[in-house]
N, C-alpha and C. Protein backbone atom coordinates (compact mmCIF):
# COMPACT_ATOMS: atom_id res chain seq x y z
N MET A 1 7.39 15.43 27.86
CA MET A 1 6.53 14.14 26.91
C MET A 1 6.83 12.94 26.19
N THR A 2 6.55 12.17 26.84
CA THR A 2 6.86 10.37 26.28
C THR A 2 6.87 10.13 24.81
N ILE A 3 7.87 9.45 24.28
CA ILE A 3 7.23 9.07 22.90
C ILE A 3 6.75 7.73 23.00
N PRO A 4 5.72 7.16 22.82
CA PRO A 4 5.17 5.76 22.77
C PRO A 4 5.89 4.66 22.38
N SER A 5 5.38 3.66 23.02
CA SER A 5 6.46 2.74 22.80
C SER A 5 6.51 2.02 21.20
N ALA A 6 7.09 1.34 20.51
CA ALA A 6 7.19 0.62 19.20
C ALA A 6 6.48 -0.01 19.07
N ARG A 7 5.82 -0.66 19.77
CA ARG A 7 4.56 -1.36 20.01
C ARG A 7 3.50 -0.92 19.78
N LEU A 8 3.45 0.02 19.88
CA LEU A 8 1.94 0.62 20.13
C LEU A 8 2.01 1.44 18.70
N CYS A 9 3.12 2.29 18.25
CA CYS A 9 3.75 2.63 17.21
C CYS A 9 3.24 2.15 16.06
N PHE A 10 3.56 0.64 16.35
CA PHE A 10 3.43 -0.40 14.72
C PHE A 10 1.62 -0.95 15.02
N LEU A 11 1.78 -0.69 16.32
CA LEU A 11 -0.30 -0.82 16.83
C LEU A 11 -1.22 0.21 15.62
N LEU A 12 -0.48 0.86 15.91
CA LEU A 12 -1.22 2.41 15.33
C LEU A 12 -1.06 2.61 13.90
N ALA A 13 -0.08 1.80 12.90
CA ALA A 13 0.31 1.63 11.97
C ALA A 13 -0.84 0.65 11.40
N LEU A 14 -0.78 -0.31 12.41
CA LEU A 14 -1.49 -2.10 11.63
C LEU A 14 -3.11 -1.33 11.32
N LEU A 15 -3.40 -0.53 12.75
CA LEU A 15 -5.18 0.12 12.58
C LEU A 15 -5.12 0.62 11.72
N PHE A 16 -4.47 2.19 10.91
CA PHE A 16 -4.54 2.74 9.89
C PHE A 16 -4.42 2.11 8.82
N CYS A 17 -3.77 0.92 8.48
CA CYS A 17 -3.60 -0.17 7.39
C CYS A 17 -5.13 -0.97 7.37
N LEU A 18 -5.26 -1.67 8.68
CA LEU A 18 -7.03 -1.94 8.25
C LEU A 18 -7.88 -0.70 7.73
N GLY A 19 -7.63 0.42 8.38
CA GLY A 19 -8.70 1.50 7.26
C GLY A 19 -8.23 1.48 5.69
N LEU A 20 -6.56 1.54 5.80
CA LEU A 20 -7.03 1.53 4.50
C LEU A 20 -7.99 0.42 3.58
N LEU A 21 -7.55 -0.96 4.06
CA LEU A 21 -8.28 -2.09 3.11
C LEU A 21 -9.90 -1.59 3.57
N GLY A 22 -10.04 -1.20 5.06
CA GLY A 22 -11.57 -1.29 5.17
C GLY A 22 -12.75 0.29 4.38
N ALA A 23 -11.91 1.29 3.66
CA ALA A 23 -11.98 1.71 3.01
C ALA A 23 -11.94 1.56 1.70
N ALA A 24 -10.83 0.84 0.90
CA ALA A 24 -11.06 0.20 -0.29
C ALA A 24 -12.36 -0.62 -0.80
N LEU A 25 -12.55 -1.77 0.54
CA LEU A 25 -13.99 -2.41 0.37
C LEU A 25 -14.80 -1.31 0.46
N TYR A 26 -15.07 -0.34 0.78
CA TYR A 26 -15.93 0.51 1.02
C TYR A 26 -16.58 1.28 -0.22
N PHE A 27 -15.58 1.75 -1.27
CA PHE A 27 -15.30 1.70 -2.17
C PHE A 27 -15.83 0.86 -3.62
N GLN A 28 -15.21 -0.30 -3.03
CA GLN A 28 -16.13 -0.80 -4.28
C GLN A 28 -16.97 -1.63 -4.18
N PHE A 29 -17.32 -2.27 -2.47
CA PHE A 29 -18.79 -2.92 -2.85
C PHE A 29 -19.88 -1.51 -2.33
N VAL A 30 -19.55 -0.53 -1.89
CA VAL A 30 -20.77 0.81 -1.31
C VAL A 30 -20.58 1.55 -2.30
N GLY A 31 -19.81 2.09 -2.71
CA GLY A 31 -19.78 3.50 -3.47
C GLY A 31 -19.26 2.39 -5.18
N GLY A 32 -19.70 1.37 -5.28
CA GLY A 32 -19.34 1.05 -7.08
C GLY A 32 -18.40 1.24 -7.45
N LEU A 33 -16.99 1.47 -7.34
CA LEU A 33 -16.22 1.93 -7.96
C LEU A 33 -15.16 0.49 -8.23
N GLU A 34 -15.07 0.26 -9.18
CA GLU A 34 -14.54 -1.16 -9.70
C GLU A 34 -13.26 -1.45 -9.74
N PRO A 35 -12.37 -1.67 -8.75
CA PRO A 35 -10.95 -2.17 -9.17
C PRO A 35 -10.53 -2.33 -9.98
N CYS A 36 -9.33 -1.51 -10.69
CA CYS A 36 -8.29 -1.65 -11.22
C CYS A 36 -7.23 -2.57 -11.26
N PRO A 37 -6.72 -3.34 -12.07
CA PRO A 37 -5.13 -3.72 -11.86
C PRO A 37 -4.15 -3.55 -10.85
N LEU A 38 -3.62 -2.07 -11.03
CA LEU A 38 -2.91 -1.88 -10.11
C LEU A 38 -3.47 -1.02 -8.44
N CYS A 39 -5.15 -1.03 -8.80
CA CYS A 39 -5.80 -1.12 -7.27
C CYS A 39 -5.73 -2.28 -6.39
N ILE A 40 -5.65 -3.24 -7.18
CA ILE A 40 -5.41 -4.61 -6.49
C ILE A 40 -4.01 -4.96 -5.91
N SER A 41 -2.96 -4.15 -7.07
CA SER A 41 -1.95 -4.76 -6.71
C SER A 41 -1.41 -3.74 -5.21
N GLN A 42 -2.20 -2.06 -5.25
CA GLN A 42 -1.24 -1.44 -4.24
C GLN A 42 -2.88 -2.23 -2.73
N ARG A 43 -3.88 -2.62 -3.08
CA ARG A 43 -4.14 -3.51 -1.76
C ARG A 43 -3.33 -4.21 -1.61
N ILE A 44 -2.80 -5.14 -2.32
CA ILE A 44 -1.59 -6.05 -1.81
C ILE A 44 -0.23 -5.30 -1.40
N MET A 45 -0.18 -4.64 -1.86
CA MET A 45 1.27 -3.38 -0.89
C MET A 45 0.17 -3.54 0.70
N VAL A 46 -0.71 -2.92 0.57
CA VAL A 46 -1.14 -2.49 1.93
C VAL A 46 -1.62 -3.77 2.99
N LEU A 47 -1.82 -5.06 2.82
CA LEU A 47 -1.81 -6.15 3.13
C LEU A 47 -0.31 -6.55 3.48
N ALA A 48 0.73 -6.46 2.50
CA ALA A 48 2.25 -6.77 2.93
C ALA A 48 2.65 -5.84 4.39
N VAL A 49 1.93 -4.63 4.10
CA VAL A 49 2.49 -3.34 5.29
C VAL A 49 1.49 -3.99 6.23
N THR A 50 0.60 -4.63 6.30
CA THR A 50 -0.81 -4.73 7.34
C THR A 50 -0.07 -6.08 8.47
N LEU A 51 0.32 -6.75 7.59
CA LEU A 51 0.94 -8.25 8.27
C LEU A 51 2.21 -7.84 8.58
N VAL A 52 2.96 -6.76 7.99
CA VAL A 52 4.42 -6.79 8.95
C VAL A 52 4.36 -5.70 9.88
N MET A 53 3.54 -4.86 10.45
CA MET A 53 2.96 -4.39 11.35
C MET A 53 2.25 -5.61 12.45
N LEU A 54 1.17 -6.23 12.10
CA LEU A 54 0.81 -7.44 13.24
C LEU A 54 1.57 -7.91 13.68
N ALA A 55 2.97 -8.36 12.79
CA ALA A 55 3.77 -9.24 13.37
C ALA A 55 4.37 -8.84 14.26
N ALA A 56 5.11 -7.66 13.97
CA ALA A 56 5.33 -6.31 15.02
C ALA A 56 4.98 -6.15 16.99
N VAL A 57 3.30 -6.69 16.14
CA VAL A 57 2.91 -6.16 17.37
C VAL A 57 2.99 -7.61 18.07
N LEU A 58 2.23 -8.61 17.47
CA LEU A 58 2.56 -9.40 18.35
C LEU A 58 3.49 -10.45 19.00
N HIS A 59 4.74 -9.60 18.58
CA HIS A 59 6.23 -10.47 18.52
C HIS A 59 6.69 -9.42 19.48
N ASN A 60 6.35 -8.02 19.58
CA ASN A 60 6.96 -7.43 20.49
C ASN A 60 8.06 -7.17 20.89
N PRO A 61 9.47 -7.28 19.60
CA PRO A 61 10.45 -7.45 19.45
C PRO A 61 11.48 -6.34 21.09
N GLY A 62 12.42 -7.05 20.52
CA GLY A 62 13.47 -5.84 21.43
C GLY A 62 14.08 -5.11 20.75
N ARG A 63 15.09 -4.88 21.01
CA ARG A 63 15.74 -3.68 20.13
C ARG A 63 16.07 -3.87 18.51
N LEU A 64 16.85 -5.07 18.49
CA LEU A 64 17.04 -5.51 17.14
C LEU A 64 15.79 -5.82 16.51
N GLY A 65 15.01 -6.54 17.07
CA GLY A 65 13.68 -7.19 16.15
C GLY A 65 12.54 -5.19 15.91
N VAL A 66 13.01 -4.52 16.65
CA VAL A 66 12.22 -3.67 16.37
C VAL A 66 12.67 -2.59 14.76
N ARG A 67 14.35 -2.86 15.00
CA ARG A 67 14.76 -2.39 13.86
C ARG A 67 14.33 -3.29 12.60
N ALA A 68 14.63 -4.16 12.90
CA ALA A 68 14.16 -5.04 11.46
C ALA A 68 12.95 -4.67 11.25
N TYR A 69 11.61 -4.80 11.98
CA TYR A 69 10.23 -4.33 11.93
C TYR A 69 10.48 -3.42 10.72
N ALA A 70 10.52 -2.41 11.43
CA ALA A 70 10.75 -1.36 11.36
C ALA A 70 11.07 -0.99 9.70
N VAL A 71 12.38 -1.70 9.37
CA VAL A 71 12.80 -1.35 7.78
C VAL A 71 11.92 -2.68 7.07
N ALA A 72 11.50 -3.65 7.69
CA ALA A 72 10.74 -4.37 6.72
C ALA A 72 9.40 -3.25 6.50
N GLY A 73 8.79 -2.84 7.43
CA GLY A 73 7.13 -2.19 7.05
C GLY A 73 7.65 -1.06 6.01
N ALA A 74 8.66 -0.50 6.20
CA ALA A 74 9.19 0.68 5.97
C ALA A 74 9.11 0.40 3.83
N LEU A 75 10.18 -1.40 4.42
CA LEU A 75 9.93 -1.34 2.54
C LEU A 75 9.54 -2.07 1.86
N ALA A 76 7.95 -2.75 2.58
CA ALA A 76 6.79 -2.69 2.04
C ALA A 76 5.94 -1.72 1.96
N ALA A 77 6.00 -0.79 2.58
CA ALA A 77 5.48 0.46 2.21
C ALA A 77 5.94 1.32 0.59
N LEU A 78 7.40 0.89 0.72
CA LEU A 78 8.03 1.91 -0.43
C LEU A 78 7.66 0.89 -1.61
N GLY A 79 7.50 -0.27 -1.43
CA GLY A 79 7.55 -1.02 -2.69
C GLY A 79 5.48 -0.33 -3.16
N GLY A 80 4.91 -0.28 -2.25
CA GLY A 80 3.32 0.21 -2.30
C GLY A 80 3.75 1.35 -3.15
N ALA A 81 4.54 1.89 -2.68
CA ALA A 81 4.26 3.76 -2.94
C ALA A 81 5.16 3.17 -4.40
N SER A 82 6.08 2.51 -4.70
CA SER A 82 5.69 2.62 -6.57
C SER A 82 4.76 2.06 -7.14
N VAL A 83 4.19 0.91 -6.75
CA VAL A 83 3.08 0.56 -7.36
C VAL A 83 2.11 2.07 -7.69
N SER A 84 1.96 2.82 -6.11
CA SER A 84 0.71 3.93 -6.82
C SER A 84 1.48 5.01 -7.30
N GLY A 85 2.68 4.89 -6.93
CA GLY A 85 3.44 6.22 -8.26
C GLY A 85 3.10 5.86 -9.60
N ARG A 86 3.31 4.95 -9.90
CA ARG A 86 2.99 4.43 -11.27
C ARG A 86 1.44 4.71 -11.70
N HIS A 87 1.06 4.19 -10.52
CA HIS A 87 -0.64 4.70 -11.07
C HIS A 87 -1.16 5.98 -11.65
N VAL A 88 -0.68 6.80 -10.58
CA VAL A 88 -0.67 8.29 -11.08
C VAL A 88 -0.05 8.78 -11.97
N TRP A 89 1.51 8.79 -12.30
CA TRP A 89 1.94 8.75 -13.45
C TRP A 89 0.88 8.20 -14.59
N LEU A 90 0.68 7.35 -14.75
CA LEU A 90 -0.61 6.46 -15.56
C LEU A 90 -1.67 7.46 -16.06
N GLN A 91 -2.14 7.94 -14.76
CA GLN A 91 -3.31 8.89 -14.48
C GLN A 91 -3.05 10.39 -14.89
N HIS A 92 -1.99 10.53 -15.23
CA HIS A 92 -1.39 12.20 -15.51
C HIS A 92 -0.63 12.09 -17.18
N LEU A 93 -0.80 10.91 -17.93
CA LEU A 93 -0.39 10.83 -19.33
C LEU A 93 -1.14 11.42 -19.88
N PRO A 94 -0.87 12.35 -21.47
CA PRO A 94 -2.02 12.36 -22.44
C PRO A 94 -2.33 11.68 -22.68
N ALA A 95 -4.00 11.92 -22.41
CA ALA A 95 -4.80 10.55 -23.85
C ALA A 95 -4.25 9.44 -24.65
N GLU A 96 -3.58 10.58 -25.69
CA GLU A 96 -3.11 9.20 -26.48
C GLU A 96 -1.43 8.33 -26.57
N GLU A 97 -1.04 8.83 -25.00
CA GLU A 97 0.22 7.41 -24.56
C GLU A 97 -0.84 6.65 -23.75
N VAL A 98 -1.84 6.84 -23.07
CA VAL A 98 -2.39 6.04 -22.56
C VAL A 98 -2.28 4.11 -22.88
N PRO A 99 -2.34 3.29 -21.96
CA PRO A 99 -2.00 1.84 -22.64
C PRO A 99 -3.50 1.76 -23.29
N ALA A 100 -3.26 0.53 -23.90
CA ALA A 100 -5.02 0.12 -24.22
C ALA A 100 -4.98 -0.11 -22.92
N CYS A 101 -7.31 -0.75 -22.67
CA CYS A 101 -7.55 -1.08 -21.75
C CYS A 101 -7.54 -2.40 -21.87
N GLY A 102 -7.51 -2.86 -20.62
CA GLY A 102 -7.14 -4.85 -21.03
C GLY A 102 -8.61 -5.55 -20.87
N PRO A 103 -8.56 -6.59 -20.59
CA PRO A 103 -9.71 -7.52 -19.86
C PRO A 103 -9.71 -7.30 -18.30
N GLY A 104 -10.78 -7.35 -18.03
CA GLY A 104 -10.79 -7.33 -16.41
C GLY A 104 -10.35 -8.67 -15.90
N LEU A 105 -9.72 -8.41 -14.20
CA LEU A 105 -8.54 -9.52 -13.71
C LEU A 105 -9.09 -11.03 -13.89
N GLU A 106 -10.41 -10.63 -13.54
CA GLU A 106 -11.35 -12.11 -13.65
C GLU A 106 -10.75 -13.02 -14.65
N TYR A 107 -10.96 -12.76 -15.74
CA TYR A 107 -10.89 -12.71 -16.89
C TYR A 107 -9.24 -13.44 -17.38
N MET A 108 -8.28 -12.27 -16.62
CA MET A 108 -7.12 -12.64 -17.01
C MET A 108 -6.46 -13.72 -16.28
N PHE A 109 -6.95 -13.88 -14.97
CA PHE A 109 -6.29 -15.37 -14.26
C PHE A 109 -7.27 -16.13 -14.59
N HIS A 110 -8.28 -16.42 -15.24
CA HIS A 110 -8.90 -17.45 -15.99
C HIS A 110 -8.23 -18.15 -17.31
N ASN A 111 -8.09 -17.12 -18.10
CA ASN A 111 -7.31 -17.42 -19.61
C ASN A 111 -5.83 -16.77 -19.72
N LEU A 112 -5.33 -16.14 -19.24
CA LEU A 112 -4.08 -15.68 -19.61
C LEU A 112 -2.72 -16.47 -18.53
N PRO A 113 -1.90 -16.48 -19.09
CA PRO A 113 -0.93 -17.14 -18.05
C PRO A 113 -0.36 -16.18 -16.81
N LEU A 114 0.18 -16.95 -15.51
CA LEU A 114 0.47 -16.21 -14.99
C LEU A 114 1.30 -15.07 -14.57
N SER A 115 2.12 -15.14 -15.71
CA SER A 115 3.14 -14.03 -15.87
C SER A 115 2.35 -12.96 -16.50
N ALA A 116 1.51 -12.81 -17.23
CA ALA A 116 1.04 -11.64 -18.25
C ALA A 116 0.16 -11.39 -17.00
N THR A 117 -0.46 -11.61 -16.74
CA THR A 117 -1.91 -10.97 -15.44
C THR A 117 -0.59 -10.19 -14.33
N LEU A 118 0.20 -10.82 -14.04
CA LEU A 118 0.90 -10.15 -13.51
C LEU A 118 1.87 -9.27 -13.47
N LYS A 119 1.96 -8.84 -14.79
CA LYS A 119 2.91 -7.94 -15.31
C LYS A 119 1.57 -6.69 -16.05
N ALA A 120 0.43 -7.52 -16.09
CA ALA A 120 -0.83 -6.12 -16.20
C ALA A 120 -0.96 -5.52 -14.90
N MET A 121 -1.12 -6.47 -13.50
CA MET A 121 -1.34 -5.82 -12.00
C MET A 121 -0.09 -4.90 -11.76
N LEU A 122 0.87 -4.78 -12.31
CA LEU A 122 2.12 -4.02 -12.00
C LEU A 122 2.40 -3.30 -12.58
N SER A 123 1.86 -3.35 -14.23
CA SER A 123 2.16 -1.91 -14.98
C SER A 123 1.34 -1.06 -15.03
N GLY A 124 -0.15 -1.50 -15.28
CA GLY A 124 -1.55 -1.38 -15.30
C GLY A 124 -2.00 -0.99 -16.84
N THR A 125 -3.15 -0.75 -16.54
CA THR A 125 -3.80 -1.00 -18.33
C THR A 125 -4.71 0.29 -18.51
N GLY A 126 -5.04 0.45 -19.60
CA GLY A 126 -5.53 1.91 -20.22
C GLY A 126 -7.20 1.91 -18.71
N ASP A 127 -7.08 1.22 -18.14
CA ASP A 127 -8.42 1.14 -17.24
C ASP A 127 -7.34 1.92 -16.02
N CYS A 128 -6.73 1.88 -15.46
CA CYS A 128 -5.95 2.65 -14.43
C CYS A 128 -5.51 3.58 -14.92
N ALA A 129 -5.63 4.38 -16.01
CA ALA A 129 -5.91 5.86 -16.30
C ALA A 129 -6.82 6.70 -15.76
N LYS A 130 -8.02 5.93 -15.66
CA LYS A 130 -9.62 6.28 -15.46
C LYS A 130 -9.56 6.94 -14.21
N VAL A 131 -10.01 8.57 -13.57
CA VAL A 131 -9.38 9.22 -12.34
C VAL A 131 -10.97 9.18 -12.26
N ASP A 132 -11.77 7.67 -11.33
CA ASP A 132 -13.01 8.09 -10.90
C ASP A 132 -13.70 8.71 -9.69
N TRP A 133 -12.38 9.34 -9.01
CA TRP A 133 -12.89 9.54 -7.60
C TRP A 133 -11.79 10.68 -7.07
N THR A 134 -11.56 12.02 -6.48
CA THR A 134 -11.32 13.09 -5.99
C THR A 134 -11.32 13.13 -4.68
N LEU A 135 -10.51 13.87 -4.10
CA LEU A 135 -10.17 14.33 -2.92
C LEU A 135 -9.69 15.45 -2.35
N LEU A 136 -9.93 16.98 -2.65
CA LEU A 136 -8.96 18.41 -2.89
C LEU A 136 -8.19 18.35 -3.79
N GLY A 137 -8.78 17.83 -4.96
CA GLY A 137 -7.83 17.44 -6.23
C GLY A 137 -7.07 16.29 -6.55
N LEU A 138 -7.39 15.24 -5.69
CA LEU A 138 -6.12 14.28 -5.89
C LEU A 138 -6.96 13.06 -5.90
N SER A 139 -6.11 12.54 -6.92
CA SER A 139 -6.83 11.21 -7.09
C SER A 139 -6.84 9.59 -5.83
N MET A 140 -7.77 8.90 -5.65
CA MET A 140 -7.62 8.19 -4.98
C MET A 140 -5.74 7.01 -5.09
N PRO A 141 -5.65 6.96 -5.86
CA PRO A 141 -3.81 6.50 -5.95
C PRO A 141 -3.45 7.58 -5.30
N ALA A 142 -3.47 9.09 -5.71
CA ALA A 142 -2.35 9.93 -4.95
C ALA A 142 -2.57 9.52 -3.52
N TRP A 143 -3.60 9.38 -2.88
CA TRP A 143 -3.81 9.49 -1.78
C TRP A 143 -3.27 8.39 -1.11
N VAL A 144 -3.74 6.68 -1.99
CA VAL A 144 -2.67 6.26 -1.14
C VAL A 144 -1.17 6.28 -1.70
N LEU A 145 -0.38 7.01 -2.84
CA LEU A 145 0.82 7.04 -2.61
C LEU A 145 0.96 7.85 -1.26
N ILE A 146 0.22 8.78 -1.05
CA ILE A 146 0.58 9.63 0.41
C ILE A 146 0.99 8.78 1.09
N CYS A 147 -0.47 7.93 1.51
CA CYS A 147 -0.32 6.90 3.00
C CYS A 147 0.82 6.12 3.04
N PHE A 148 1.02 5.30 1.56
CA PHE A 148 2.35 4.65 1.97
C PHE A 148 3.53 5.61 2.07
N LEU A 149 3.85 6.49 1.91
CA LEU A 149 5.36 7.56 1.94
C LEU A 149 4.74 7.60 3.79
N GLY A 150 3.39 8.17 4.30
CA GLY A 150 3.26 7.94 5.40
C GLY A 150 3.90 7.34 6.35
N LEU A 151 3.34 6.09 5.93
CA LEU A 151 3.88 4.26 6.76
C LEU A 151 5.36 4.05 6.81
N ALA A 152 6.02 4.84 5.54
CA ALA A 152 7.37 4.20 5.24
C ALA A 152 8.06 5.01 6.58
N ALA A 153 7.63 6.24 6.15
CA ALA A 153 8.20 7.28 7.07
C ALA A 153 8.19 6.90 8.70
N TRP A 154 6.74 6.56 8.95
CA TRP A 154 6.70 6.08 10.20
C TRP A 154 6.75 4.78 11.03
N SER A 155 7.39 4.01 9.67
CA SER A 155 7.51 2.48 10.33
C SER A 155 9.36 2.68 10.55
N LEU A 156 9.77 3.94 10.11
CA LEU A 156 11.25 3.81 10.01
C LEU A 156 11.82 4.45 11.34
N ALA A 157 10.97 5.24 11.66
CA ALA A 157 11.35 6.14 12.75
C ALA A 157 11.13 5.35 13.90
N GLN A 158 10.52 4.31 13.80
CA GLN A 158 11.17 3.46 15.11
C GLN A 158 11.90 2.94 15.23
N ALA A 159 12.66 2.68 14.21
CA ALA A 159 14.35 2.13 14.01
C ALA A 159 14.39 2.81 15.34
N TRP A 160 14.40 4.45 15.78
CA TRP A 160 15.01 5.27 16.75
C TRP A 160 14.08 5.05 18.08
N ASN A 161 13.53 4.55 17.98
CA ASN A 161 12.09 4.21 18.94
C ASN A 161 12.65 3.56 19.68
N LEU A 162 13.47 2.58 20.07
CA LEU A 162 13.96 1.33 20.75
C LEU A 162 13.44 1.32 22.46
N PRO A 163 13.15 -0.39 22.75
CA PRO A 163 13.10 -0.34 24.25
C PRO A 163 13.92 -0.05 25.01
N ARG A 164 13.74 0.42 26.15
CA ARG A 164 14.48 1.06 26.82
C ARG A 164 15.35 -0.29 28.19
N GLY A 165 16.65 -0.22 27.90
CA GLY A 165 17.46 -1.06 28.82
C GLY A 165 17.75 -2.32 27.75
N ASP A 166 17.14 -2.65 26.83
CA ASP A 166 17.28 -3.84 25.97
C ASP A 166 18.66 -3.90 25.47
N LYS A 167 19.26 -4.60 25.05
CA LYS A 167 20.96 -4.77 24.74
C LYS A 167 20.82 -5.12 23.61
N ALA A 168 19.98 -5.95 23.06
CA ALA A 168 19.54 -6.40 21.78
C ALA A 168 18.72 -6.75 21.18
């Protein structure tokens, strides 16, 4: 059995990321689930992984480039996993320890300093503790955490999936 090329593996990860972004838009616009600040942050991190994978596919690098894209993709995915992990943690806090709910993101962008808005997007608000959807007992942020960890492992695995015969 032959191992698919790193370029094909990056393409598969790219398609998976596009699927995640599509699912997020579906849940928002068709399912009516309004994203909280941490959900938006997770989408941004999925987009970051998507862009790394797109660059890797378009560039079709040699050995050194494959390693660089593998590490960059893994780091972006692990950054997203940290946001998702915080979201899952907030969802499992006792009710009395959940932070206060904040204003909507649109209001924050228009009326609060950028630093306060970014802090809310990365640390979450009480809105982020609400579980609106589950599958097999796991909330959407838990599934996104699993996806980020899988993407990090998949991306990092490409560091060993190098083109044959290239020196650099």
